[in-house]
Amino acid sequence: MQSLTQLLQESARAHQHLCPRQVLGVRMGLAAGQRLDLPVPQSDKRLLTIVETDGCVIDGLTVATGCRVGRRTMRVLDYGKVAATFVDTQTGRAVRIVPHAGARQQARDYAPEAQSRWQAYLLGYQRMPEAELLNFQTVTLAVSLEKILSKDGYRVNCQRCGEEIINEREVFQAGLRLCRPCAEGAYYQPLALEVSAGLLTEKGSSELLWSCATF
């Protein structure tokens, strides 16, 4: 297992500097490995990390656990919380880790030489005992691992927009197999598109027109 210092150096290189939430991410990842009795950073895909925010903490978690979005061993559910659930995909054991509510205040006690609050967090989070820094919850997933991980090579097409859907992320609605943007609304708004024979072309109208060939 790499040391805390080594992992922080690696995270700083990836992030281009070191910040307090990276430190939290590294310490959360190391603690998860100990709680689940798994070697980290992992070299396989046994550990799954579900992180509840984007940003700096992810870089710390990545170097500490070896979990990555591109390897489908890390999922981001943006709840706006510096928290993560770590799952042993072989046993189903899962632990959710979040910093203690008072960690910011306590961090200052471990970095008396700090010249700012930010520096106090940066140094204090590295030095604080785990029991004072992190809170642990044994949890069970509300969605099965099989559903989260899906199947290799699985793909279908949305019966409304025609786009391909992988990893069993389709939704069935009114008898149709749909992608989530078509079923639930998307995070984007097409400017003006017409779908015809599988081609997307810009239109001057603000309406979104679907050709019969799409359905």
N, C-alpha and C. Protein backbone atom coordinates (compact mmCIF):
# COMPACT_ATOMS: atom_id res chain seq x y z
N MET A 1 0.85 -1.20 0.00
CA MET A 1 0.00 0.00 0.00
C MET A 1 0.88 1.25 0.00
N GLN A 2 0.54 2.19 -0.87
CA GLN A 2 1.29 3.45 -0.90
C GLN A 2 0.99 4.27 0.35
N SER A 3 1.93 5.09 0.74
CA SER A 3 1.75 5.93 1.92
C SER A 3 0.84 7.10 1.60
N LEU A 4 0.35 7.74 2.66
CA LEU A 4 -0.48 8.93 2.49
C LEU A 4 0.28 10.01 1.72
N THR A 5 1.54 10.21 2.05
CA THR A 5 2.34 11.24 1.38
C THR A 5 2.47 10.95 -0.11
N GLN A 6 2.74 9.70 -0.46
CA GLN A 6 2.88 9.33 -1.87
C GLN A 6 1.58 9.56 -2.64
N LEU A 7 0.48 9.19 -2.04
CA LEU A 7 -0.81 9.35 -2.71
C LEU A 7 -1.18 10.82 -2.86
N LEU A 8 -0.86 11.63 -1.85
CA LEU A 8 -1.14 13.06 -1.96
C LEU A 8 -0.29 13.69 -3.06
N GLN A 9 0.93 13.26 -3.19
CA GLN A 9 1.79 13.76 -4.26
C GLN A 9 1.22 13.39 -5.62
N GLU A 10 0.74 12.17 -5.75
CA GLU A 10 0.14 11.73 -7.02
C GLU A 10 -1.13 12.51 -7.33
N SER A 11 -1.95 12.74 -6.31
CA SER A 11 -3.17 13.52 -6.50
C SER A 11 -2.85 14.95 -6.90
N ALA A 12 -1.84 15.53 -6.28
CA ALA A 12 -1.45 16.91 -6.59
C ALA A 12 -0.97 17.03 -8.03
N ARG A 13 -0.25 16.02 -8.52
CA ARG A 13 0.20 16.04 -9.91
C ARG A 13 -0.99 16.00 -10.87
N ALA A 14 -1.96 15.15 -10.56
CA ALA A 14 -3.13 15.03 -11.44
C ALA A 14 -3.99 16.29 -11.38
N HIS A 15 -4.08 16.89 -10.21
CA HIS A 15 -4.97 18.04 -9.99
C HIS A 15 -4.25 19.38 -10.22
N GLN A 16 -2.94 19.32 -10.35
CA GLN A 16 -2.07 20.49 -10.56
C GLN A 16 -1.83 21.31 -9.30
N HIS A 17 -2.40 20.91 -8.19
CA HIS A 17 -2.05 21.45 -6.88
C HIS A 17 -2.74 20.56 -5.85
N LEU A 18 -2.42 20.76 -4.58
CA LEU A 18 -3.05 19.97 -3.53
C LEU A 18 -4.00 20.86 -2.75
N CYS A 19 -5.21 20.34 -2.48
CA CYS A 19 -6.19 21.10 -1.72
C CYS A 19 -6.83 20.20 -0.67
N PRO A 20 -7.54 20.79 0.31
CA PRO A 20 -8.07 20.00 1.42
C PRO A 20 -8.99 18.86 1.01
N ARG A 21 -9.83 19.05 0.01
CA ARG A 21 -10.76 17.98 -0.34
C ARG A 21 -10.06 16.81 -1.02
N GLN A 22 -8.94 17.06 -1.67
CA GLN A 22 -8.15 15.93 -2.16
C GLN A 22 -7.63 15.10 -0.99
N VAL A 23 -7.20 15.78 0.06
CA VAL A 23 -6.73 15.07 1.25
C VAL A 23 -7.86 14.21 1.82
N LEU A 24 -9.05 14.78 1.90
CA LEU A 24 -10.20 14.00 2.38
C LEU A 24 -10.43 12.79 1.49
N GLY A 25 -10.36 12.98 0.18
CA GLY A 25 -10.59 11.87 -0.74
C GLY A 25 -9.59 10.75 -0.56
N VAL A 26 -8.32 11.11 -0.41
CA VAL A 26 -7.28 10.09 -0.21
C VAL A 26 -7.52 9.35 1.10
N ARG A 27 -7.81 10.08 2.16
CA ARG A 27 -7.99 9.42 3.45
C ARG A 27 -9.27 8.56 3.48
N MET A 28 -10.31 9.02 2.81
CA MET A 28 -11.52 8.21 2.71
C MET A 28 -11.25 6.92 1.94
N GLY A 29 -10.50 7.02 0.84
CA GLY A 29 -10.18 5.83 0.06
C GLY A 29 -9.34 4.83 0.81
N LEU A 30 -8.32 5.32 1.52
CA LEU A 30 -7.49 4.43 2.33
C LEU A 30 -8.30 3.76 3.44
N ALA A 31 -9.16 4.55 4.09
CA ALA A 31 -9.99 4.00 5.16
C ALA A 31 -10.94 2.93 4.63
N ALA A 32 -11.47 3.15 3.44
CA ALA A 32 -12.37 2.16 2.84
C ALA A 32 -11.66 0.84 2.60
N GLY A 33 -10.44 0.91 2.10
CA GLY A 33 -9.68 -0.32 1.88
C GLY A 33 -9.48 -1.09 3.17
N GLN A 34 -9.20 -0.37 4.25
CA GLN A 34 -9.01 -1.04 5.54
C GLN A 34 -10.32 -1.64 6.05
N ARG A 35 -11.41 -0.90 5.94
CA ARG A 35 -12.70 -1.38 6.44
C ARG A 35 -13.19 -2.60 5.67
N LEU A 36 -12.93 -2.63 4.36
CA LEU A 36 -13.40 -3.74 3.53
C LEU A 36 -12.34 -4.82 3.36
N ASP A 37 -11.18 -4.60 3.96
CA ASP A 37 -10.06 -5.54 3.87
C ASP A 37 -9.68 -5.81 2.41
N LEU A 38 -9.55 -4.72 1.66
CA LEU A 38 -9.15 -4.80 0.25
C LEU A 38 -7.89 -3.98 0.03
N PRO A 39 -6.96 -4.48 -0.78
CA PRO A 39 -5.77 -3.68 -1.07
C PRO A 39 -6.11 -2.51 -1.99
N VAL A 40 -5.64 -1.34 -1.62
CA VAL A 40 -5.83 -0.14 -2.45
C VAL A 40 -4.49 0.58 -2.58
N PRO A 41 -4.26 1.24 -3.73
CA PRO A 41 -5.12 1.29 -4.91
C PRO A 41 -5.26 -0.09 -5.55
N GLN A 42 -6.44 -0.41 -6.03
CA GLN A 42 -6.69 -1.72 -6.61
C GLN A 42 -6.09 -1.81 -8.01
N SER A 43 -5.77 -3.04 -8.41
CA SER A 43 -5.28 -3.29 -9.76
C SER A 43 -6.34 -4.01 -10.59
N ASP A 44 -7.46 -4.37 -9.95
CA ASP A 44 -8.55 -5.05 -10.66
C ASP A 44 -9.80 -4.19 -10.58
N LYS A 45 -10.97 -4.79 -10.68
CA LYS A 45 -12.22 -4.03 -10.64
C LYS A 45 -13.14 -4.49 -9.49
N ARG A 46 -12.54 -4.99 -8.45
CA ARG A 46 -13.36 -5.52 -7.35
C ARG A 46 -14.05 -4.42 -6.55
N LEU A 47 -13.38 -3.31 -6.33
CA LEU A 47 -13.93 -2.22 -5.53
C LEU A 47 -14.69 -1.24 -6.41
N LEU A 48 -15.91 -0.91 -6.02
CA LEU A 48 -16.72 0.10 -6.68
C LEU A 48 -16.88 1.28 -5.74
N THR A 49 -16.63 2.49 -6.22
CA THR A 49 -16.81 3.70 -5.43
C THR A 49 -17.94 4.53 -6.01
N ILE A 50 -18.89 4.88 -5.18
CA ILE A 50 -19.99 5.76 -5.58
C ILE A 50 -19.82 7.05 -4.80
N VAL A 51 -19.44 8.12 -5.49
CA VAL A 51 -19.11 9.38 -4.83
C VAL A 51 -20.26 10.37 -5.03
N GLU A 52 -20.51 11.19 -4.02
CA GLU A 52 -21.72 12.01 -3.97
C GLU A 52 -21.50 13.48 -4.33
N THR A 53 -20.37 13.79 -4.95
CA THR A 53 -20.13 15.12 -5.49
C THR A 53 -19.06 15.02 -6.55
N ASP A 54 -18.93 16.07 -7.35
CA ASP A 54 -17.82 16.12 -8.28
C ASP A 54 -16.72 16.99 -7.68
N GLY A 55 -15.69 17.28 -8.43
CA GLY A 55 -14.67 18.18 -7.94
C GLY A 55 -13.47 17.50 -7.32
N CYS A 56 -12.79 18.24 -6.46
CA CYS A 56 -11.46 17.87 -5.96
C CYS A 56 -11.42 16.51 -5.26
N VAL A 57 -12.45 16.20 -4.50
CA VAL A 57 -12.43 14.96 -3.72
C VAL A 57 -12.27 13.75 -4.62
N ILE A 58 -12.78 13.84 -5.86
CA ILE A 58 -12.70 12.70 -6.77
C ILE A 58 -11.25 12.38 -7.12
N ASP A 59 -10.42 13.39 -7.30
CA ASP A 59 -9.03 13.12 -7.63
C ASP A 59 -8.32 12.40 -6.49
N GLY A 60 -8.65 12.76 -5.26
CA GLY A 60 -8.09 12.06 -4.12
C GLY A 60 -8.58 10.62 -4.03
N LEU A 61 -9.87 10.43 -4.23
CA LEU A 61 -10.44 9.09 -4.21
C LEU A 61 -9.84 8.20 -5.29
N THR A 62 -9.64 8.78 -6.47
CA THR A 62 -9.13 8.01 -7.60
C THR A 62 -7.75 7.44 -7.33
N VAL A 63 -6.85 8.28 -6.83
CA VAL A 63 -5.49 7.79 -6.60
C VAL A 63 -5.44 6.81 -5.43
N ALA A 64 -6.29 7.01 -4.43
CA ALA A 64 -6.26 6.14 -3.25
C ALA A 64 -6.87 4.77 -3.52
N THR A 65 -7.93 4.73 -4.33
CA THR A 65 -8.66 3.47 -4.54
C THR A 65 -8.31 2.77 -5.84
N GLY A 66 -7.85 3.54 -6.84
CA GLY A 66 -7.68 2.95 -8.17
C GLY A 66 -8.98 2.88 -8.94
N CYS A 67 -10.07 3.38 -8.37
CA CYS A 67 -11.36 3.39 -9.05
C CYS A 67 -11.42 4.59 -10.00
N ARG A 68 -11.98 4.34 -11.18
CA ARG A 68 -12.06 5.39 -12.19
C ARG A 68 -13.38 5.29 -12.95
N VAL A 69 -13.90 6.45 -13.33
CA VAL A 69 -15.13 6.47 -14.11
C VAL A 69 -14.95 5.70 -15.41
N GLY A 70 -13.81 5.89 -16.07
CA GLY A 70 -13.56 5.24 -17.34
C GLY A 70 -13.46 3.73 -17.25
N ARG A 71 -13.16 3.20 -16.09
CA ARG A 71 -13.11 1.74 -15.89
C ARG A 71 -14.41 1.19 -15.30
N ARG A 72 -15.39 2.07 -15.15
CA ARG A 72 -16.69 1.71 -14.60
C ARG A 72 -16.57 1.17 -13.17
N THR A 73 -15.60 1.68 -12.44
CA THR A 73 -15.44 1.32 -11.02
C THR A 73 -15.70 2.53 -10.13
N MET A 74 -16.10 3.65 -10.73
CA MET A 74 -16.49 4.83 -9.96
C MET A 74 -17.73 5.43 -10.60
N ARG A 75 -18.71 5.75 -9.77
CA ARG A 75 -19.93 6.43 -10.21
C ARG A 75 -20.07 7.75 -9.46
N VAL A 76 -20.54 8.77 -10.16
CA VAL A 76 -20.74 10.07 -9.54
C VAL A 76 -22.23 10.37 -9.49
N LEU A 77 -22.76 10.48 -8.28
CA LEU A 77 -24.14 10.92 -8.05
C LEU A 77 -24.03 12.27 -7.34
N ASP A 78 -24.30 13.33 -8.06
CA ASP A 78 -23.99 14.65 -7.51
C ASP A 78 -25.06 15.13 -6.54
N TYR A 79 -24.91 14.71 -5.28
CA TYR A 79 -25.78 15.16 -4.20
C TYR A 79 -25.21 16.42 -3.53
N GLY A 80 -24.03 16.85 -3.96
CA GLY A 80 -23.40 17.99 -3.32
C GLY A 80 -22.84 17.67 -1.94
N LYS A 81 -22.47 16.41 -1.72
CA LYS A 81 -21.94 15.99 -0.43
C LYS A 81 -20.55 15.39 -0.61
N VAL A 82 -19.62 15.77 0.25
CA VAL A 82 -18.31 15.13 0.27
C VAL A 82 -18.49 13.81 1.02
N ALA A 83 -18.92 12.82 0.28
CA ALA A 83 -19.23 11.51 0.84
C ALA A 83 -19.09 10.48 -0.26
N ALA A 84 -18.83 9.23 0.12
CA ALA A 84 -18.72 8.17 -0.87
C ALA A 84 -19.06 6.84 -0.22
N THR A 85 -19.63 5.96 -1.04
CA THR A 85 -19.90 4.59 -0.62
C THR A 85 -18.97 3.67 -1.39
N PHE A 86 -18.35 2.76 -0.67
CA PHE A 86 -17.37 1.84 -1.24
C PHE A 86 -17.95 0.43 -1.14
N VAL A 87 -17.94 -0.28 -2.26
CA VAL A 87 -18.61 -1.58 -2.34
C VAL A 87 -17.63 -2.66 -2.79
N ASP A 88 -17.54 -3.73 -2.02
CA ASP A 88 -16.82 -4.92 -2.45
C ASP A 88 -17.76 -5.70 -3.36
N THR A 89 -17.50 -5.70 -4.66
CA THR A 89 -18.44 -6.31 -5.61
C THR A 89 -18.45 -7.83 -5.55
N GLN A 90 -17.50 -8.44 -4.83
CA GLN A 90 -17.52 -9.89 -4.68
C GLN A 90 -18.37 -10.33 -3.50
N THR A 91 -18.33 -9.57 -2.42
CA THR A 91 -19.07 -9.95 -1.21
C THR A 91 -20.34 -9.15 -1.01
N GLY A 92 -20.44 -7.98 -1.67
CA GLY A 92 -21.59 -7.10 -1.47
C GLY A 92 -21.47 -6.20 -0.27
N ARG A 93 -20.41 -6.32 0.51
CA ARG A 93 -20.21 -5.45 1.67
C ARG A 93 -20.02 -4.02 1.19
N ALA A 94 -20.61 -3.07 1.93
CA ALA A 94 -20.52 -1.67 1.53
C ALA A 94 -20.40 -0.78 2.76
N VAL A 95 -19.58 0.25 2.64
CA VAL A 95 -19.41 1.22 3.72
C VAL A 95 -19.47 2.62 3.12
N ARG A 96 -20.23 3.47 3.78
CA ARG A 96 -20.32 4.88 3.36
C ARG A 96 -19.49 5.71 4.32
N ILE A 97 -18.66 6.59 3.76
CA ILE A 97 -17.73 7.39 4.56
C ILE A 97 -17.97 8.86 4.27
N VAL A 98 -18.07 9.65 5.33
CA VAL A 98 -18.29 11.09 5.22
C VAL A 98 -17.47 11.77 6.32
N PRO A 99 -16.91 12.94 6.06
CA PRO A 99 -16.18 13.64 7.12
C PRO A 99 -17.11 14.01 8.29
N HIS A 100 -16.57 13.97 9.50
CA HIS A 100 -17.33 14.42 10.66
C HIS A 100 -17.74 15.88 10.48
N ALA A 101 -18.92 16.21 11.00
CA ALA A 101 -19.43 17.57 10.86
C ALA A 101 -18.49 18.61 11.47
N GLY A 102 -17.77 18.24 12.51
CA GLY A 102 -16.88 19.19 13.18
C GLY A 102 -15.44 19.11 12.73
N ALA A 103 -15.18 18.40 11.62
CA ALA A 103 -13.80 18.20 11.19
C ALA A 103 -13.09 19.51 10.88
N ARG A 104 -13.79 20.47 10.29
CA ARG A 104 -13.16 21.75 9.95
C ARG A 104 -12.63 22.45 11.21
N GLN A 105 -13.46 22.48 12.24
CA GLN A 105 -13.05 23.15 13.47
C GLN A 105 -11.88 22.42 14.14
N GLN A 106 -11.96 21.10 14.16
CA GLN A 106 -10.91 20.33 14.82
C GLN A 106 -9.60 20.37 14.06
N ALA A 107 -9.68 20.52 12.74
CA ALA A 107 -8.46 20.53 11.93
C ALA A 107 -7.50 21.62 12.40
N ARG A 108 -8.03 22.74 12.84
CA ARG A 108 -7.18 23.85 13.26
C ARG A 108 -6.32 23.49 14.47
N ASP A 109 -6.85 22.59 15.31
CA ASP A 109 -6.08 22.17 16.49
C ASP A 109 -4.84 21.38 16.09
N TYR A 110 -4.85 20.77 14.90
CA TYR A 110 -3.74 19.93 14.45
C TYR A 110 -2.78 20.70 13.53
N ALA A 111 -3.08 21.96 13.29
CA ALA A 111 -2.19 22.76 12.43
C ALA A 111 -2.05 24.16 13.03
N PRO A 112 -1.46 24.28 14.22
CA PRO A 112 -1.36 25.59 14.88
C PRO A 112 -0.50 26.59 14.10
N GLU A 113 0.37 26.07 13.23
CA GLU A 113 1.24 26.98 12.47
C GLU A 113 0.57 27.53 11.21
N ALA A 114 -0.65 27.06 10.90
CA ALA A 114 -1.32 27.46 9.67
C ALA A 114 -1.56 28.97 9.63
N GLN A 115 -1.36 29.56 8.46
CA GLN A 115 -1.52 31.01 8.29
C GLN A 115 -2.92 31.39 7.81
N SER A 116 -3.75 30.39 7.51
CA SER A 116 -5.11 30.65 7.03
C SER A 116 -5.98 29.44 7.35
N ARG A 117 -7.29 29.64 7.25
CA ARG A 117 -8.20 28.51 7.46
C ARG A 117 -7.94 27.41 6.43
N TRP A 118 -7.74 27.81 5.17
CA TRP A 118 -7.50 26.85 4.10
C TRP A 118 -6.28 25.99 4.40
N GLN A 119 -5.22 26.62 4.84
CA GLN A 119 -4.00 25.87 5.17
C GLN A 119 -4.22 24.98 6.40
N ALA A 120 -5.03 25.45 7.33
CA ALA A 120 -5.34 24.63 8.50
C ALA A 120 -6.08 23.36 8.09
N TYR A 121 -7.02 23.49 7.16
CA TYR A 121 -7.72 22.31 6.67
C TYR A 121 -6.75 21.38 5.94
N LEU A 122 -5.92 21.95 5.08
CA LEU A 122 -4.98 21.16 4.28
C LEU A 122 -4.05 20.33 5.17
N LEU A 123 -3.50 20.96 6.20
CA LEU A 123 -2.58 20.26 7.09
C LEU A 123 -3.32 19.41 8.11
N GLY A 124 -4.39 19.97 8.68
CA GLY A 124 -5.12 19.25 9.72
C GLY A 124 -5.72 17.95 9.24
N TYR A 125 -6.28 17.95 8.04
CA TYR A 125 -6.87 16.72 7.50
C TYR A 125 -5.83 15.62 7.31
N GLN A 126 -4.59 16.00 7.09
CA GLN A 126 -3.54 15.00 6.95
C GLN A 126 -3.14 14.41 8.30
N ARG A 127 -3.27 15.20 9.35
CA ARG A 127 -2.74 14.81 10.66
C ARG A 127 -3.79 14.26 11.62
N MET A 128 -5.03 14.56 11.41
CA MET A 128 -6.08 14.17 12.35
C MET A 128 -6.22 12.65 12.45
N PRO A 129 -6.47 12.12 13.62
CA PRO A 129 -6.78 10.70 13.74
C PRO A 129 -8.04 10.37 12.94
N GLU A 130 -8.05 9.21 12.37
CA GLU A 130 -9.18 8.81 11.53
C GLU A 130 -10.52 8.93 12.25
N ALA A 131 -10.54 8.58 13.53
CA ALA A 131 -11.78 8.61 14.30
C ALA A 131 -12.34 10.01 14.45
N GLU A 132 -11.46 11.02 14.39
CA GLU A 132 -11.91 12.41 14.51
C GLU A 132 -12.25 13.02 13.15
N LEU A 133 -11.70 12.43 12.10
CA LEU A 133 -11.89 12.99 10.76
C LEU A 133 -13.09 12.41 10.03
N LEU A 134 -13.30 11.10 10.17
CA LEU A 134 -14.26 10.41 9.31
C LEU A 134 -15.35 9.69 10.11
N ASN A 135 -16.52 9.64 9.50
CA ASN A 135 -17.65 8.89 10.06
C ASN A 135 -17.96 7.74 9.12
N PHE A 136 -18.24 6.56 9.67
CA PHE A 136 -18.46 5.36 8.88
C PHE A 136 -19.87 4.82 9.09
N GLN A 137 -20.50 4.40 7.99
CA GLN A 137 -21.81 3.75 8.06
C GLN A 137 -21.76 2.47 7.23
N THR A 138 -22.14 1.36 7.82
CA THR A 138 -22.33 0.14 7.03
C THR A 138 -23.67 0.27 6.33
N VAL A 139 -23.69 0.10 5.02
CA VAL A 139 -24.91 0.33 4.25
C VAL A 139 -25.17 -0.83 3.31
N THR A 140 -26.37 -0.85 2.77
CA THR A 140 -26.71 -1.77 1.69
C THR A 140 -27.24 -0.94 0.53
N LEU A 141 -26.99 -1.36 -0.67
CA LEU A 141 -27.39 -0.60 -1.85
C LEU A 141 -28.88 -0.76 -2.11
N ALA A 142 -29.52 0.35 -2.52
CA ALA A 142 -30.94 0.32 -2.86
C ALA A 142 -31.18 -0.29 -4.24
N VAL A 143 -30.13 -0.32 -5.07
CA VAL A 143 -30.18 -0.94 -6.39
C VAL A 143 -29.17 -2.08 -6.41
N SER A 144 -29.51 -3.20 -7.01
CA SER A 144 -28.63 -4.35 -7.00
C SER A 144 -27.34 -4.06 -7.76
N LEU A 145 -26.26 -4.72 -7.34
CA LEU A 145 -25.00 -4.60 -8.05
C LEU A 145 -25.14 -5.03 -9.50
N GLU A 146 -25.93 -6.08 -9.73
CA GLU A 146 -26.14 -6.56 -11.09
C GLU A 146 -26.71 -5.47 -11.98
N LYS A 147 -27.64 -4.69 -11.44
CA LYS A 147 -28.25 -3.61 -12.21
C LYS A 147 -27.26 -2.47 -12.42
N ILE A 148 -26.46 -2.16 -11.41
CA ILE A 148 -25.48 -1.08 -11.53
C ILE A 148 -24.39 -1.43 -12.54
N LEU A 149 -23.88 -2.64 -12.45
CA LEU A 149 -22.75 -3.04 -13.30
C LEU A 149 -23.18 -3.46 -14.68
N SER A 150 -24.41 -3.97 -14.83
CA SER A 150 -24.98 -4.37 -16.11
C SER A 150 -24.19 -5.51 -16.74
N LYS A 151 -24.32 -5.65 -18.08
CA LYS A 151 -23.72 -6.76 -18.82
C LYS A 151 -22.84 -6.23 -19.93
N ASP A 152 -21.76 -6.94 -20.19
CA ASP A 152 -20.89 -6.57 -21.30
C ASP A 152 -21.65 -6.72 -22.62
N GLY A 153 -21.50 -5.72 -23.48
CA GLY A 153 -22.06 -5.82 -24.82
C GLY A 153 -23.55 -5.54 -24.93
N TYR A 154 -24.19 -5.15 -23.83
CA TYR A 154 -25.63 -4.90 -23.88
C TYR A 154 -25.90 -3.54 -24.52
N ARG A 155 -26.78 -3.52 -25.54
CA ARG A 155 -27.14 -2.25 -26.19
C ARG A 155 -28.50 -2.38 -26.84
N VAL A 156 -29.26 -1.30 -26.75
CA VAL A 156 -30.56 -1.20 -27.42
C VAL A 156 -30.68 0.22 -27.97
N ASN A 157 -31.72 0.47 -28.75
CA ASN A 157 -31.94 1.81 -29.28
C ASN A 157 -33.23 2.40 -28.73
N CYS A 158 -33.18 3.68 -28.41
CA CYS A 158 -34.36 4.40 -27.96
C CYS A 158 -35.38 4.42 -29.08
N GLN A 159 -36.63 4.11 -28.75
CA GLN A 159 -37.68 4.07 -29.75
C GLN A 159 -38.26 5.44 -30.06
N ARG A 160 -37.69 6.48 -29.48
CA ARG A 160 -38.14 7.82 -29.82
C ARG A 160 -37.06 8.58 -30.60
N CYS A 161 -35.88 8.71 -30.03
CA CYS A 161 -34.82 9.47 -30.72
C CYS A 161 -33.91 8.60 -31.56
N GLY A 162 -33.94 7.29 -31.32
CA GLY A 162 -33.13 6.38 -32.11
C GLY A 162 -31.72 6.20 -31.63
N GLU A 163 -31.29 6.95 -30.60
CA GLU A 163 -29.92 6.84 -30.13
C GLU A 163 -29.71 5.56 -29.33
N GLU A 164 -28.46 5.08 -29.37
CA GLU A 164 -28.12 3.83 -28.69
C GLU A 164 -28.03 4.03 -27.18
N ILE A 165 -28.48 3.03 -26.44
CA ILE A 165 -28.42 3.03 -24.97
C ILE A 165 -27.64 1.80 -24.55
N ILE A 166 -26.65 1.97 -23.69
CA ILE A 166 -25.87 0.85 -23.19
C ILE A 166 -26.10 0.68 -21.69
N ASN A 167 -25.62 -0.44 -21.17
CA ASN A 167 -25.59 -0.70 -19.72
C ASN A 167 -26.97 -0.76 -19.07
N GLU A 168 -28.00 -1.15 -19.82
CA GLU A 168 -29.35 -1.32 -19.28
C GLU A 168 -29.90 -0.04 -18.64
N ARG A 169 -29.64 1.09 -19.27
CA ARG A 169 -30.11 2.35 -18.72
C ARG A 169 -31.40 2.83 -19.39
N GLU A 170 -32.03 1.97 -20.17
CA GLU A 170 -33.28 2.36 -20.82
C GLU A 170 -34.43 2.41 -19.80
N VAL A 171 -35.49 3.11 -20.18
CA VAL A 171 -36.69 3.25 -19.37
C VAL A 171 -37.88 2.83 -20.22
N PHE A 172 -38.80 2.08 -19.63
CA PHE A 172 -40.00 1.67 -20.35
C PHE A 172 -41.15 2.59 -19.94
N GLN A 173 -41.75 3.20 -20.95
CA GLN A 173 -42.80 4.18 -20.70
C GLN A 173 -43.83 4.10 -21.82
N ALA A 174 -45.08 3.92 -21.43
CA ALA A 174 -46.19 3.84 -22.40
C ALA A 174 -45.90 2.82 -23.49
N GLY A 175 -45.32 1.69 -23.11
CA GLY A 175 -45.05 0.62 -24.06
C GLY A 175 -43.82 0.82 -24.92
N LEU A 176 -43.07 1.89 -24.69
CA LEU A 176 -41.88 2.18 -25.49
C LEU A 176 -40.62 2.02 -24.65
N ARG A 177 -39.56 1.59 -25.31
CA ARG A 177 -38.24 1.54 -24.69
C ARG A 177 -37.56 2.87 -25.00
N LEU A 178 -37.29 3.68 -23.97
CA LEU A 178 -36.79 5.03 -24.17
C LEU A 178 -35.48 5.27 -23.42
N CYS A 179 -34.69 6.19 -23.94
CA CYS A 179 -33.56 6.70 -23.17
C CYS A 179 -34.09 7.64 -22.09
N ARG A 180 -33.32 7.90 -21.09
CA ARG A 180 -33.80 8.74 -19.99
C ARG A 180 -34.09 10.18 -20.41
N PRO A 181 -33.30 10.79 -21.30
CA PRO A 181 -33.68 12.14 -21.73
C PRO A 181 -35.06 12.18 -22.38
N CYS A 182 -35.40 11.18 -23.18
CA CYS A 182 -36.71 11.15 -23.82
C CYS A 182 -37.82 10.86 -22.82
N ALA A 183 -37.53 10.05 -21.81
CA ALA A 183 -38.55 9.66 -20.85
C ALA A 183 -38.72 10.67 -19.73
N GLU A 184 -37.61 11.28 -19.30
CA GLU A 184 -37.64 12.09 -18.08
C GLU A 184 -37.27 13.56 -18.31
N GLY A 185 -36.80 13.88 -19.49
CA GLY A 185 -36.31 15.23 -19.75
C GLY A 185 -34.80 15.26 -19.66
N ALA A 186 -34.18 16.05 -20.52
CA ALA A 186 -32.73 16.08 -20.61
C ALA A 186 -32.13 17.29 -19.92
N TYR A 187 -30.82 17.24 -19.70
CA TYR A 187 -30.11 18.38 -19.16
C TYR A 187 -29.80 19.41 -20.24
N TYR A 188 -30.04 19.05 -21.51
CA TYR A 188 -29.77 19.94 -22.63
C TYR A 188 -31.06 20.22 -23.38
N GLN A 189 -31.07 21.32 -24.14
CA GLN A 189 -32.23 21.69 -24.95
C GLN A 189 -31.78 21.87 -26.39
N PRO A 190 -32.25 21.03 -27.30
CA PRO A 190 -31.87 21.22 -28.71
C PRO A 190 -32.29 22.61 -29.18
N LEU A 191 -31.42 23.25 -29.95
CA LEU A 191 -31.75 24.57 -30.47
C LEU A 191 -32.89 24.48 -31.48
N ALA A 192 -32.71 23.62 -32.46
CA ALA A 192 -33.75 23.40 -33.45
C ALA A 192 -33.27 22.29 -34.35
N LEU A 193 -33.83 21.13 -34.17
CA LEU A 193 -33.33 19.97 -34.89
C LEU A 193 -34.47 19.25 -35.58
N GLU A 194 -34.15 18.64 -36.69
CA GLU A 194 -35.08 17.75 -37.35
C GLU A 194 -34.37 16.42 -37.55
N VAL A 195 -35.00 15.34 -37.15
CA VAL A 195 -34.42 14.03 -37.33
C VAL A 195 -35.03 13.43 -38.58
N SER A 196 -34.19 13.12 -39.53
CA SER A 196 -34.67 12.56 -40.79
C SER A 196 -33.67 11.55 -41.28
N ALA A 197 -34.13 10.31 -41.46
CA ALA A 197 -33.27 9.24 -41.98
C ALA A 197 -31.98 9.12 -41.17
N GLY A 198 -32.09 9.35 -39.86
CA GLY A 198 -30.94 9.19 -38.98
C GLY A 198 -29.97 10.36 -38.98
N LEU A 199 -30.29 11.46 -39.68
CA LEU A 199 -29.40 12.62 -39.72
C LEU A 199 -29.98 13.77 -38.94
N LEU A 200 -29.15 14.51 -38.24
CA LEU A 200 -29.57 15.68 -37.48
C LEU A 200 -29.17 16.93 -38.26
N THR A 201 -30.13 17.81 -38.51
CA THR A 201 -29.83 19.06 -39.22
C THR A 201 -30.46 20.21 -38.49
N GLU A 202 -29.79 21.37 -38.48
CA GLU A 202 -30.33 22.54 -37.80
C GLU A 202 -31.47 23.14 -38.62
N LYS A 203 -32.48 23.65 -37.90
CA LYS A 203 -33.62 24.30 -38.52
C LYS A 203 -33.78 25.70 -37.92
N GLY A 204 -34.50 26.54 -38.63
CA GLY A 204 -34.71 27.89 -38.12
C GLY A 204 -35.80 27.96 -37.09
N SER A 205 -36.65 26.95 -37.01
CA SER A 205 -37.77 26.96 -36.08
C SER A 205 -37.30 26.60 -34.69
N SER A 206 -38.06 27.06 -33.67
CA SER A 206 -37.74 26.69 -32.29
C SER A 206 -38.37 25.37 -31.92
N GLU A 207 -39.14 24.76 -32.81
CA GLU A 207 -39.80 23.51 -32.53
C GLU A 207 -38.88 22.34 -32.82
N LEU A 208 -39.10 21.25 -32.10
CA LEU A 208 -38.34 20.04 -32.32
C LEU A 208 -39.25 19.07 -33.05
N LEU A 209 -38.90 18.70 -34.27
CA LEU A 209 -39.73 17.86 -35.11
C LEU A 209 -39.09 16.50 -35.26
N TRP A 210 -39.87 15.46 -35.06
CA TRP A 210 -39.37 14.09 -35.20
C TRP A 210 -40.00 13.47 -36.43
N SER A 211 -39.19 12.89 -37.30
CA SER A 211 -39.76 12.24 -38.47
C SER A 211 -40.36 10.90 -38.09
N CYS A 212 -41.28 10.42 -38.92
CA CYS A 212 -41.92 9.13 -38.64
C CYS A 212 -40.89 8.02 -38.63
N ALA A 213 -39.79 8.19 -39.35
CA ALA A 213 -38.77 7.15 -39.42
C ALA A 213 -38.10 6.91 -38.08
N THR A 214 -38.21 7.87 -37.18
CA THR A 214 -37.57 7.73 -35.87
C THR A 214 -38.28 6.70 -35.00
N PHE A 215 -39.58 6.54 -35.16
CA PHE A 215 -40.36 5.71 -34.25
C PHE A 215 -40.39 4.25 -34.68
